[in-house]
Amino acid sequence: MQLDLFDRKIIAALAGSGRMTTVDLAAEVGLSPSACTRRLQALEAAKVITGYRAVVDAAAIGLGITVFVEITLERQNDDTLRAFEAALAACPNVLSCHLMSGASDYLIRIAAHDLADFERLHANVLGHLPGVARIESKFALRQAVDRPLVPIG
């Protein structure tokens, strides 16, 4: 799907406030409500917009630490990758996981209540994931930048 200026404005507006009404969205981007609705439906149908979520403050719900975990696998073949990713997807503390280039195979972002909670997760989950050869954990001291999406300008 080729995005024009109005599509980009719709995406940017919703990235800032996913709960705005179609009427408010239309006014913000300079379209009629019906034209805005058609464009929004087209963006959703094309999977440009894949969903709407609440942004939750992890600390406010008791998840006080963020840990970035680098995983190196024993081998990197399709079966190992599939088994590892399936097992990791079952862990609710995993916020994101990326297959990487470089020395480590995966970079995982994990939320935990505290250090003891992460230690349990490390021992009971990460340490038992299929194909893992090495685990290296790095604790976030603070979040300096957090953007909801890539620049769409």
N, C-alpha and C. Protein backbone atom coordinates (compact mmCIF):
# COMPACT_ATOMS: atom_id res chain seq x y z
N MET A 1 0.85 -1.18 0.00
CA MET A 1 0.00 0.00 0.00
C MET A 1 0.89 1.24 0.00
N GLN A 2 0.64 2.13 -0.92
CA GLN A 2 1.37 3.40 -1.00
C GLN A 2 0.69 4.40 -0.06
N LEU A 3 1.45 4.95 0.88
CA LEU A 3 0.89 5.90 1.85
C LEU A 3 1.03 7.32 1.34
N ASP A 4 -0.07 8.06 1.38
CA ASP A 4 0.00 9.48 1.02
C ASP A 4 0.04 10.32 2.29
N LEU A 5 0.01 11.63 2.13
CA LEU A 5 0.13 12.55 3.27
C LEU A 5 -0.98 12.33 4.29
N PHE A 6 -2.22 12.13 3.83
CA PHE A 6 -3.33 11.93 4.77
C PHE A 6 -3.18 10.62 5.54
N ASP A 7 -2.73 9.56 4.86
CA ASP A 7 -2.50 8.29 5.56
C ASP A 7 -1.46 8.47 6.66
N ARG A 8 -0.39 9.18 6.32
CA ARG A 8 0.68 9.42 7.30
C ARG A 8 0.17 10.26 8.47
N LYS A 9 -0.67 11.24 8.19
CA LYS A 9 -1.25 12.05 9.26
C LYS A 9 -2.14 11.21 10.17
N ILE A 10 -2.92 10.32 9.58
CA ILE A 10 -3.79 9.44 10.37
C ILE A 10 -2.95 8.55 11.28
N ILE A 11 -1.91 7.95 10.72
CA ILE A 11 -1.04 7.07 11.51
C ILE A 11 -0.38 7.85 12.65
N ALA A 12 0.14 9.03 12.36
CA ALA A 12 0.80 9.83 13.39
C ALA A 12 -0.19 10.23 14.48
N ALA A 13 -1.39 10.63 14.11
CA ALA A 13 -2.39 11.04 15.10
C ALA A 13 -2.77 9.87 15.99
N LEU A 14 -2.99 8.70 15.41
CA LEU A 14 -3.37 7.54 16.20
C LEU A 14 -2.22 7.03 17.06
N ALA A 15 -0.99 7.19 16.59
CA ALA A 15 0.16 6.80 17.41
C ALA A 15 0.23 7.66 18.67
N GLY A 16 -0.21 8.90 18.55
CA GLY A 16 -0.22 9.79 19.71
C GLY A 16 -1.40 9.56 20.62
N SER A 17 -2.53 9.17 20.05
CA SER A 17 -3.74 8.94 20.84
C SER A 17 -4.63 7.94 20.12
N GLY A 18 -4.46 6.68 20.43
CA GLY A 18 -5.21 5.62 19.77
C GLY A 18 -6.68 5.57 20.13
N ARG A 19 -7.09 6.36 21.13
CA ARG A 19 -8.49 6.33 21.57
C ARG A 19 -9.32 7.45 20.96
N MET A 20 -8.74 8.27 20.11
CA MET A 20 -9.52 9.39 19.58
C MET A 20 -10.64 8.88 18.68
N THR A 21 -11.74 9.61 18.68
CA THR A 21 -12.87 9.23 17.84
C THR A 21 -12.54 9.51 16.38
N THR A 22 -13.27 8.89 15.49
CA THR A 22 -13.07 9.12 14.06
C THR A 22 -13.35 10.58 13.71
N VAL A 23 -14.33 11.18 14.37
CA VAL A 23 -14.65 12.60 14.11
C VAL A 23 -13.48 13.47 14.52
N ASP A 24 -12.90 13.22 15.70
CA ASP A 24 -11.74 14.00 16.14
C ASP A 24 -10.53 13.74 15.24
N LEU A 25 -10.34 12.50 14.85
CA LEU A 25 -9.24 12.15 13.95
C LEU A 25 -9.39 12.87 12.62
N ALA A 26 -10.60 12.85 12.08
CA ALA A 26 -10.86 13.52 10.80
C ALA A 26 -10.55 15.01 10.89
N ALA A 27 -10.98 15.64 11.98
CA ALA A 27 -10.72 17.07 12.16
C ALA A 27 -9.22 17.34 12.26
N GLU A 28 -8.51 16.47 12.96
CA GLU A 28 -7.07 16.67 13.13
C GLU A 28 -6.30 16.54 11.82
N VAL A 29 -6.71 15.63 10.96
CA VAL A 29 -5.97 15.40 9.72
C VAL A 29 -6.53 16.16 8.53
N GLY A 30 -7.67 16.82 8.71
CA GLY A 30 -8.23 17.65 7.64
C GLY A 30 -9.05 16.89 6.61
N LEU A 31 -9.78 15.88 7.05
CA LEU A 31 -10.65 15.10 6.17
C LEU A 31 -12.07 15.10 6.72
N SER A 32 -13.03 14.73 5.88
CA SER A 32 -14.38 14.52 6.38
C SER A 32 -14.39 13.22 7.18
N PRO A 33 -15.31 13.06 8.13
CA PRO A 33 -15.36 11.81 8.89
C PRO A 33 -15.52 10.57 8.00
N SER A 34 -16.32 10.64 6.94
CA SER A 34 -16.50 9.46 6.09
C SER A 34 -15.22 9.13 5.32
N ALA A 35 -14.54 10.14 4.81
CA ALA A 35 -13.27 9.90 4.10
C ALA A 35 -12.21 9.35 5.06
N CYS A 36 -12.20 9.88 6.26
CA CYS A 36 -11.25 9.41 7.27
C CYS A 36 -11.53 7.96 7.64
N THR A 37 -12.80 7.61 7.80
CA THR A 37 -13.18 6.24 8.12
C THR A 37 -12.76 5.28 7.01
N ARG A 38 -12.97 5.66 5.76
CA ARG A 38 -12.57 4.81 4.63
C ARG A 38 -11.05 4.59 4.64
N ARG A 39 -10.31 5.66 4.85
CA ARG A 39 -8.84 5.54 4.86
C ARG A 39 -8.38 4.67 6.04
N LEU A 40 -9.00 4.88 7.19
CA LEU A 40 -8.64 4.10 8.37
C LEU A 40 -8.92 2.61 8.14
N GLN A 41 -10.06 2.30 7.56
CA GLN A 41 -10.39 0.91 7.25
C GLN A 41 -9.41 0.32 6.24
N ALA A 42 -9.00 1.12 5.27
CA ALA A 42 -8.02 0.65 4.28
C ALA A 42 -6.67 0.38 4.93
N LEU A 43 -6.25 1.25 5.85
CA LEU A 43 -4.98 1.06 6.57
C LEU A 43 -5.04 -0.21 7.42
N GLU A 44 -6.18 -0.47 8.04
CA GLU A 44 -6.34 -1.68 8.84
C GLU A 44 -6.37 -2.92 7.95
N ALA A 45 -7.10 -2.86 6.84
CA ALA A 45 -7.20 -4.00 5.92
C ALA A 45 -5.84 -4.36 5.32
N ALA A 46 -5.02 -3.34 5.06
CA ALA A 46 -3.69 -3.56 4.49
C ALA A 46 -2.66 -3.94 5.55
N LYS A 47 -3.09 -4.03 6.81
CA LYS A 47 -2.22 -4.37 7.94
C LYS A 47 -1.12 -3.34 8.18
N VAL A 48 -1.37 -2.09 7.74
CA VAL A 48 -0.47 -1.00 8.10
C VAL A 48 -0.71 -0.68 9.58
N ILE A 49 -1.98 -0.61 9.96
CA ILE A 49 -2.36 -0.50 11.37
C ILE A 49 -2.80 -1.90 11.79
N THR A 50 -2.06 -2.47 12.75
CA THR A 50 -2.31 -3.87 13.12
C THR A 50 -3.06 -4.03 14.42
N GLY A 51 -3.32 -2.93 15.13
CA GLY A 51 -4.05 -3.03 16.38
C GLY A 51 -3.96 -1.75 17.18
N TYR A 52 -4.66 -1.74 18.29
CA TYR A 52 -4.69 -0.59 19.20
C TYR A 52 -4.43 -1.12 20.60
N ARG A 53 -3.56 -0.44 21.34
CA ARG A 53 -3.17 -0.92 22.66
C ARG A 53 -3.13 0.21 23.67
N ALA A 54 -3.33 -0.17 24.92
CA ALA A 54 -3.10 0.76 26.01
C ALA A 54 -1.60 0.74 26.33
N VAL A 55 -1.02 1.89 26.58
CA VAL A 55 0.37 1.98 26.99
C VAL A 55 0.36 1.98 28.52
N VAL A 56 0.96 0.96 29.12
CA VAL A 56 0.90 0.77 30.56
C VAL A 56 2.26 1.06 31.17
N ASP A 57 2.26 1.80 32.26
CA ASP A 57 3.49 2.07 33.01
C ASP A 57 3.83 0.81 33.80
N ALA A 58 4.88 0.13 33.40
CA ALA A 58 5.24 -1.15 34.03
C ALA A 58 5.46 -1.00 35.53
N ALA A 59 6.12 0.07 35.95
CA ALA A 59 6.38 0.27 37.38
C ALA A 59 5.07 0.42 38.16
N ALA A 60 4.07 1.04 37.54
CA ALA A 60 2.79 1.26 38.23
C ALA A 60 2.06 -0.04 38.50
N ILE A 61 2.36 -1.09 37.75
CA ILE A 61 1.72 -2.38 38.00
C ILE A 61 2.69 -3.38 38.64
N GLY A 62 3.76 -2.84 39.22
CA GLY A 62 4.67 -3.66 40.00
C GLY A 62 5.81 -4.30 39.24
N LEU A 63 5.98 -3.97 37.96
CA LEU A 63 7.10 -4.51 37.20
C LEU A 63 8.21 -3.47 37.20
N GLY A 64 9.03 -3.50 38.24
CA GLY A 64 9.98 -2.43 38.50
C GLY A 64 11.28 -2.48 37.73
N ILE A 65 11.61 -3.61 37.12
CA ILE A 65 12.88 -3.66 36.39
C ILE A 65 12.67 -4.17 34.97
N THR A 66 13.49 -3.62 34.09
CA THR A 66 13.55 -4.08 32.70
C THR A 66 14.93 -4.67 32.47
N VAL A 67 14.95 -5.84 31.88
CA VAL A 67 16.21 -6.54 31.64
C VAL A 67 16.31 -6.86 30.15
N PHE A 68 17.46 -6.58 29.59
CA PHE A 68 17.75 -6.97 28.21
C PHE A 68 18.65 -8.20 28.28
N VAL A 69 18.20 -9.25 27.66
CA VAL A 69 18.91 -10.53 27.73
C VAL A 69 19.40 -10.90 26.34
N GLU A 70 20.69 -11.18 26.23
CA GLU A 70 21.26 -11.67 24.99
C GLU A 70 21.41 -13.18 25.11
N ILE A 71 20.89 -13.88 24.12
CA ILE A 71 20.95 -15.34 24.11
C ILE A 71 21.77 -15.79 22.90
N THR A 72 22.70 -16.69 23.15
CA THR A 72 23.43 -17.35 22.08
C THR A 72 22.99 -18.81 22.07
N LEU A 73 22.63 -19.29 20.91
CA LEU A 73 22.18 -20.68 20.78
C LEU A 73 23.35 -21.61 20.47
N GLU A 74 23.16 -22.88 20.77
CA GLU A 74 24.18 -23.88 20.45
C GLU A 74 24.37 -23.98 18.94
N ARG A 75 23.27 -23.91 18.21
CA ARG A 75 23.31 -23.91 16.74
C ARG A 75 22.12 -23.12 16.25
N GLN A 76 22.26 -22.60 15.04
CA GLN A 76 21.19 -21.77 14.50
C GLN A 76 20.63 -22.43 13.25
N ASN A 77 19.72 -23.38 13.46
CA ASN A 77 19.01 -24.00 12.34
C ASN A 77 17.51 -23.79 12.56
N ASP A 78 16.72 -24.09 11.55
CA ASP A 78 15.28 -23.81 11.62
C ASP A 78 14.60 -24.47 12.81
N ASP A 79 14.91 -25.73 13.07
CA ASP A 79 14.27 -26.45 14.18
C ASP A 79 14.60 -25.81 15.52
N THR A 80 15.87 -25.46 15.72
CA THR A 80 16.30 -24.83 16.98
C THR A 80 15.63 -23.47 17.15
N LEU A 81 15.62 -22.67 16.09
CA LEU A 81 15.00 -21.34 16.16
C LEU A 81 13.51 -21.46 16.49
N ARG A 82 12.82 -22.35 15.81
CA ARG A 82 11.37 -22.53 16.05
C ARG A 82 11.10 -22.98 17.48
N ALA A 83 11.85 -23.95 17.96
CA ALA A 83 11.64 -24.47 19.32
C ALA A 83 11.93 -23.39 20.35
N PHE A 84 13.01 -22.65 20.15
CA PHE A 84 13.37 -21.58 21.08
C PHE A 84 12.29 -20.51 21.10
N GLU A 85 11.87 -20.04 19.93
CA GLU A 85 10.88 -18.97 19.85
C GLU A 85 9.53 -19.40 20.42
N ALA A 86 9.13 -20.64 20.18
CA ALA A 86 7.85 -21.13 20.73
C ALA A 86 7.89 -21.18 22.25
N ALA A 87 8.99 -21.66 22.80
CA ALA A 87 9.12 -21.73 24.26
C ALA A 87 9.15 -20.34 24.87
N LEU A 88 9.84 -19.43 24.22
CA LEU A 88 9.94 -18.06 24.74
C LEU A 88 8.60 -17.33 24.66
N ALA A 89 7.84 -17.59 23.61
CA ALA A 89 6.54 -16.94 23.45
C ALA A 89 5.57 -17.29 24.57
N ALA A 90 5.80 -18.40 25.24
CA ALA A 90 4.93 -18.82 26.35
C ALA A 90 5.23 -18.08 27.65
N CYS A 91 6.28 -17.28 27.67
CA CYS A 91 6.66 -16.55 28.89
C CYS A 91 6.06 -15.15 28.87
N PRO A 92 5.12 -14.85 29.77
CA PRO A 92 4.46 -13.54 29.74
C PRO A 92 5.37 -12.37 30.11
N ASN A 93 6.49 -12.62 30.76
CA ASN A 93 7.42 -11.54 31.12
C ASN A 93 8.20 -11.03 29.92
N VAL A 94 8.22 -11.79 28.83
CA VAL A 94 8.94 -11.38 27.63
C VAL A 94 8.12 -10.33 26.89
N LEU A 95 8.67 -9.12 26.78
CA LEU A 95 7.98 -8.02 26.10
C LEU A 95 8.29 -7.99 24.62
N SER A 96 9.52 -8.34 24.26
CA SER A 96 9.90 -8.41 22.85
C SER A 96 11.10 -9.33 22.71
N CYS A 97 11.25 -9.88 21.52
CA CYS A 97 12.36 -10.77 21.23
C CYS A 97 12.74 -10.56 19.77
N HIS A 98 14.02 -10.38 19.52
CA HIS A 98 14.50 -10.12 18.16
C HIS A 98 15.64 -11.07 17.83
N LEU A 99 15.55 -11.72 16.67
CA LEU A 99 16.67 -12.48 16.13
C LEU A 99 17.67 -11.45 15.60
N MET A 100 18.92 -11.56 16.02
CA MET A 100 19.90 -10.51 15.76
C MET A 100 21.05 -11.00 14.89
N SER A 101 21.75 -10.02 14.31
CA SER A 101 23.05 -10.30 13.71
C SER A 101 24.08 -10.05 14.80
N GLY A 102 25.30 -10.52 14.60
CA GLY A 102 26.34 -10.26 15.59
C GLY A 102 26.62 -11.47 16.47
N ALA A 103 27.25 -11.22 17.61
CA ALA A 103 27.72 -12.29 18.48
C ALA A 103 26.59 -13.08 19.12
N SER A 104 25.52 -12.42 19.52
CA SER A 104 24.37 -13.09 20.14
C SER A 104 23.31 -13.37 19.08
N ASP A 105 22.52 -14.39 19.32
CA ASP A 105 21.47 -14.74 18.36
C ASP A 105 20.18 -13.97 18.62
N TYR A 106 19.83 -13.76 19.88
CA TYR A 106 18.58 -13.08 20.23
C TYR A 106 18.83 -11.97 21.24
N LEU A 107 18.01 -10.93 21.13
CA LEU A 107 17.95 -9.88 22.15
C LEU A 107 16.51 -9.87 22.65
N ILE A 108 16.35 -10.06 23.95
CA ILE A 108 15.03 -10.18 24.57
C ILE A 108 14.87 -9.06 25.60
N ARG A 109 13.69 -8.44 25.60
CA ARG A 109 13.36 -7.43 26.63
C ARG A 109 12.36 -8.07 27.58
N ILE A 110 12.71 -8.05 28.85
CA ILE A 110 11.92 -8.72 29.88
C ILE A 110 11.55 -7.72 30.97
N ALA A 111 10.32 -7.81 31.47
CA ALA A 111 9.87 -7.02 32.62
C ALA A 111 9.75 -7.97 33.81
N ALA A 112 10.25 -7.54 34.95
CA ALA A 112 10.17 -8.35 36.17
C ALA A 112 9.82 -7.45 37.35
N HIS A 113 9.27 -8.07 38.39
CA HIS A 113 8.89 -7.29 39.57
C HIS A 113 10.12 -6.71 40.27
N ASP A 114 11.13 -7.53 40.43
CA ASP A 114 12.34 -7.11 41.13
C ASP A 114 13.46 -8.09 40.76
N LEU A 115 14.61 -7.91 41.38
CA LEU A 115 15.75 -8.76 41.07
C LEU A 115 15.48 -10.23 41.39
N ALA A 116 14.82 -10.49 42.51
CA ALA A 116 14.50 -11.87 42.88
C ALA A 116 13.56 -12.51 41.86
N ASP A 117 12.60 -11.73 41.37
CA ASP A 117 11.68 -12.23 40.34
C ASP A 117 12.44 -12.58 39.07
N PHE A 118 13.37 -11.71 38.66
CA PHE A 118 14.16 -12.01 37.47
C PHE A 118 15.05 -13.23 37.70
N GLU A 119 15.61 -13.34 38.89
CA GLU A 119 16.46 -14.50 39.18
C GLU A 119 15.66 -15.81 39.03
N ARG A 120 14.42 -15.81 39.52
CA ARG A 120 13.55 -17.00 39.36
C ARG A 120 13.28 -17.27 37.87
N LEU A 121 12.99 -16.20 37.13
CA LEU A 121 12.74 -16.34 35.70
C LEU A 121 13.98 -16.87 34.98
N HIS A 122 15.13 -16.37 35.36
CA HIS A 122 16.39 -16.81 34.75
C HIS A 122 16.61 -18.30 35.03
N ALA A 123 16.42 -18.71 36.27
CA ALA A 123 16.68 -20.10 36.65
C ALA A 123 15.62 -21.06 36.12
N ASN A 124 14.36 -20.65 36.16
CA ASN A 124 13.27 -21.57 35.83
C ASN A 124 12.82 -21.53 34.38
N VAL A 125 13.10 -20.44 33.68
CA VAL A 125 12.63 -20.31 32.30
C VAL A 125 13.81 -20.18 31.34
N LEU A 126 14.56 -19.09 31.45
CA LEU A 126 15.63 -18.83 30.49
C LEU A 126 16.65 -19.96 30.46
N GLY A 127 17.01 -20.46 31.63
CA GLY A 127 18.00 -21.52 31.71
C GLY A 127 17.54 -22.85 31.14
N HIS A 128 16.23 -22.98 30.88
CA HIS A 128 15.70 -24.24 30.36
C HIS A 128 15.18 -24.11 28.92
N LEU A 129 15.41 -22.98 28.29
CA LEU A 129 14.96 -22.82 26.91
C LEU A 129 15.76 -23.74 25.99
N PRO A 130 15.12 -24.32 24.98
CA PRO A 130 15.82 -25.26 24.11
C PRO A 130 16.93 -24.60 23.30
N GLY A 131 18.08 -25.27 23.27
CA GLY A 131 19.17 -24.85 22.40
C GLY A 131 20.05 -23.73 22.93
N VAL A 132 19.86 -23.29 24.17
CA VAL A 132 20.61 -22.14 24.69
C VAL A 132 22.02 -22.56 25.09
N ALA A 133 23.01 -21.81 24.60
CA ALA A 133 24.41 -22.04 24.96
C ALA A 133 24.90 -20.99 25.95
N ARG A 134 24.41 -19.74 25.81
CA ARG A 134 24.91 -18.65 26.66
C ARG A 134 23.79 -17.65 26.90
N ILE A 135 23.75 -17.11 28.13
CA ILE A 135 22.79 -16.07 28.51
C ILE A 135 23.57 -14.92 29.12
N GLU A 136 23.32 -13.71 28.63
CA GLU A 136 23.93 -12.51 29.22
C GLU A 136 22.83 -11.49 29.47
N SER A 137 22.73 -11.03 30.72
CA SER A 137 21.67 -10.11 31.11
C SER A 137 22.23 -8.73 31.40
N LYS A 138 21.47 -7.71 30.98
CA LYS A 138 21.84 -6.32 31.22
C LYS A 138 20.60 -5.63 31.79
N PHE A 139 20.77 -4.93 32.90
CA PHE A 139 19.64 -4.29 33.58
C PHE A 139 19.54 -2.83 33.17
N ALA A 140 18.35 -2.41 32.78
CA ALA A 140 18.13 -1.02 32.39
C ALA A 140 18.13 -0.16 33.65
N LEU A 141 18.89 0.93 33.62
CA LEU A 141 18.90 1.87 34.73
C LEU A 141 17.77 2.87 34.61
N ARG A 142 17.51 3.31 33.39
CA ARG A 142 16.35 4.16 33.12
C ARG A 142 16.08 4.12 31.63
N GLN A 143 14.86 4.48 31.27
CA GLN A 143 14.47 4.54 29.86
C GLN A 143 14.63 5.98 29.40
N ALA A 144 15.51 6.20 28.45
CA ALA A 144 15.78 7.56 27.99
C ALA A 144 14.86 7.97 26.84
N VAL A 145 14.50 7.04 25.97
CA VAL A 145 13.63 7.33 24.82
C VAL A 145 12.71 6.13 24.63
N ASP A 146 11.45 6.40 24.36
CA ASP A 146 10.49 5.35 24.04
C ASP A 146 9.49 5.92 23.05
N ARG A 147 9.55 5.45 21.83
CA ARG A 147 8.63 5.93 20.79
C ARG A 147 7.67 4.81 20.42
N PRO A 148 6.43 5.16 20.13
CA PRO A 148 5.45 4.12 19.80
C PRO A 148 5.65 3.52 18.40
N LEU A 149 6.35 4.21 17.51
CA LEU A 149 6.55 3.68 16.16
C LEU A 149 7.71 4.40 15.49
N VAL A 150 8.06 3.92 14.32
CA VAL A 150 9.12 4.55 13.55
C VAL A 150 8.63 5.87 12.97
N PRO A 151 9.55 6.79 12.65
CA PRO A 151 9.12 8.06 12.04
C PRO A 151 8.38 7.80 10.73
N ILE A 152 7.29 8.52 10.52
CA ILE A 152 6.48 8.29 9.32
C ILE A 152 6.47 9.48 8.39
N GLY A 153 7.30 10.47 8.66
CA GLY A 153 7.36 11.68 7.86
C GLY A 153 7.61 11.47 6.44
